[in-house]
C-alpha atoms as a PDB file:
ATOM      1  CA  MET A   1     -15.774  33.236  11.322  1.00  0.00           C
ATOM      2  CA  GLY A   2     -16.705  29.681  10.431  1.00  0.00           C
ATOM      3  CA  VAL A   3     -19.792  27.948   9.298  1.00  0.00           C
ATOM      4  CA  ARG A   4     -21.836  26.341  12.087  1.00  0.00           C
ATOM      5  CA  ILE A   5     -23.438  22.964  11.591  1.00  0.00           C
ATOM      6  CA  SER A   6     -26.482  22.288  13.677  1.00  0.00           C
ATOM      7  CA  PRO A   7     -26.144  19.417  16.214  1.00  0.00           C
ATOM      8  CA  PRO A   8     -28.818  17.132  14.628  1.00  0.00           C
ATOM      9  CA  VAL A   9     -26.864  17.077  11.348  1.00  0.00           C
ATOM     10  CA  GLN A  10     -23.634  16.144  13.179  1.00  0.00           C
ATOM     11  CA  LYS A  11     -25.410  13.384  15.116  1.00  0.00           C
ATOM     12  CA  ASN A  12     -26.957  12.008  11.938  1.00  0.00           C
ATOM     13  CA  ASN A  13     -23.567  11.926  10.193  1.00  0.00           C
ATOM     14  CA  THR A  14     -21.976  10.281  13.238  1.00  0.00           C
ATOM     15  CA  MET A  15     -24.688   7.636  13.243  1.00  0.00           C
ATOM     16  CA  LYS A  16     -24.167   7.014   9.529  1.00  0.00           C
ATOM     17  CA  VAL A  17     -20.431   6.535   9.982  1.00  0.00           C
ATOM     18  CA  THR A  18     -20.913   4.299  13.015  1.00  0.00           C
ATOM     19  CA  ASN A  19     -23.519   2.241  11.168  1.00  0.00           C
ATOM     20  CA  TYR A  20     -21.236   1.949   8.142  1.00  0.00           C
ATOM     21  CA  ILE A  21     -18.308   0.695  10.246  1.00  0.00           C
ATOM     22  CA  SER A  22     -20.550  -1.751  12.074  1.00  0.00           C
ATOM     23  CA  GLU A  23     -21.902  -3.132   8.792  1.00  0.00           C
ATOM     24  CA  ALA A  24     -18.387  -3.418   7.394  1.00  0.00           C
ATOM     25  CA  PHE A  25     -17.250  -5.532  10.340  1.00  0.00           C
ATOM     26  CA  THR A  26     -20.318  -7.731  10.055  1.00  0.00           C
ATOM     27  CA  GLU A  27     -19.582  -8.198   6.343  1.00  0.00           C
ATOM     28  CA  LEU A  28     -16.013  -9.202   7.132  1.00  0.00           C
ATOM     29  CA  LYS A  29     -17.101 -11.729   9.754  1.00  0.00           C
ATOM     30  CA  VAL A  30     -20.031 -13.276   7.876  1.00  0.00           C
ATOM     31  CA  ASN A  31     -19.473 -13.046   4.131  1.00  0.00           C
ATOM     32  CA  VAL A  32     -15.696 -13.128   3.617  1.00  0.00           C
ATOM     33  CA  THR A  33     -13.918 -16.426   3.132  1.00  0.00           C
ATOM     34  CA  TRP A  34     -10.550 -16.077   4.804  1.00  0.00           C
ATOM     35  CA  PRO A  35      -7.585 -18.219   3.691  1.00  0.00           C
ATOM     36  CA  GLU A  36      -5.992 -20.772   5.973  1.00  0.00           C
ATOM     37  CA  TRP A  37      -3.021 -19.607   8.044  1.00  0.00           C
ATOM     38  CA  ALA A  38      -0.599 -21.872   6.162  1.00  0.00           C
ATOM     39  CA  GLU A  39      -1.638 -20.333   2.840  1.00  0.00           C
ATOM     40  CA  VAL A  40      -1.208 -16.827   4.244  1.00  0.00           C
ATOM     41  CA  GLN A  41       2.315 -17.692   5.359  1.00  0.00           C
ATOM     42  CA  ARG A  42       3.195 -19.274   2.017  1.00  0.00           C
ATOM     43  CA  LEU A  43       1.912 -16.323   0.036  1.00  0.00           C
ATOM     44  CA  THR A  44       3.702 -13.889   2.354  1.00  0.00           C
ATOM     45  CA  VAL A  45       6.997 -15.660   1.707  1.00  0.00           C
ATOM     46  CA  ILE A  46       6.390 -15.538  -2.038  1.00  0.00           C
ATOM     47  CA  VAL A  47       5.638 -11.782  -1.936  1.00  0.00           C
ATOM     48  CA  ALA A  48       8.735 -11.144   0.194  1.00  0.00           C
ATOM     49  CA  ILE A  49      10.985 -13.079  -2.205  1.00  0.00           C
ATOM     50  CA  PHE A  50       9.655 -11.298  -5.275  1.00  0.00           C
ATOM     51  CA  SER A  51       9.948  -7.925  -3.504  1.00  0.00           C
ATOM     52  CA  ILE A  52      13.608  -8.604  -2.736  1.00  0.00           C
ATOM     53  CA  LEU A  53      14.263  -9.800  -6.279  1.00  0.00           C
ATOM     54  CA  PHE A  54      12.587  -6.717  -7.741  1.00  0.00           C
ATOM     55  CA  ALA A  55      14.582  -4.426  -5.411  1.00  0.00           C
ATOM     56  CA  LEU A  56      17.820  -6.106  -6.464  1.00  0.00           C
ATOM     57  CA  LEU A  57      16.894  -5.805 -10.136  1.00  0.00           C
ATOM     58  CA  THR A  58      16.077  -2.128  -9.672  1.00  0.00           C
ATOM     59  CA  PHE A  59      19.365  -1.604  -7.817  1.00  0.00           C
ATOM     60  CA  GLY A  60      21.309  -3.330 -10.609  1.00  0.00           C
ATOM     61  CA  ILE A  61      19.667  -1.257 -13.329  1.00  0.00           C
ATOM     62  CA  ASP A  62      20.297   1.927 -11.320  1.00  0.00           C
ATOM     63  CA  ARG A  63      23.973   1.072 -10.806  1.00  0.00           C
ATOM     64  CA  GLY A  64      24.299   0.212 -14.502  1.00  0.00           C
ATOM     65  CA  PHE A  65      22.921   3.624 -15.499  1.00  0.00           C
ATOM     66  CA  GLU A  66      25.187   5.258 -12.949  1.00  0.00           C
ATOM     67  CA  VAL A  67      28.256   3.651 -14.543  1.00  0.00           C
ATOM     68  CA  ILE A  68      27.083   4.533 -18.065  1.00  0.00           C
ATOM     69  CA  VAL A  69      26.427   8.175 -17.165  1.00  0.00           C
ATOM     70  CA  ALA A  70      29.777   8.424 -15.375  1.00  0.00           C
ATOM     71  CA  GLU A  71      31.568   7.047 -18.426  1.00  0.00           C
ATOM     72  CA  ILE A  72      29.753   9.534 -20.671  1.00  0.00           C
ATOM     73  CA  TYR A  73      30.750  12.472 -18.437  1.00  0.00           C
ATOM     74  CA  THR A  74      34.338  11.201 -18.258  1.00  0.00           C
ATOM     75  CA  TYR A  75      34.433  10.953 -22.051  1.00  0.00           C
ATOM     76  CA  LEU A  76      32.952  14.431 -22.540  1.00  0.00           C
ATOM     77  CA  ASN A  77      35.333  16.069 -20.031  1.00  0.00           C
ATOM     78  CA  LYS A  78      38.486  14.874 -21.859  1.00  0.00           C
END
């Protein structure tokens, strides 16, 4: 047995959500200054390069710890 919400409350909430979305799109169209396409491409390349570098750094550190832990276990098992 669930709780029933009367239809006027549902309609009011739907109107609020619809109004909110409509206002958000208007805000994006009117008040936001969007960057030029060339700048977007340049910044995307920079983010991609740093993401790859960070992934490689993380991989290197992980492999280094893997080798260190393997050496410790090898030493302890002798």
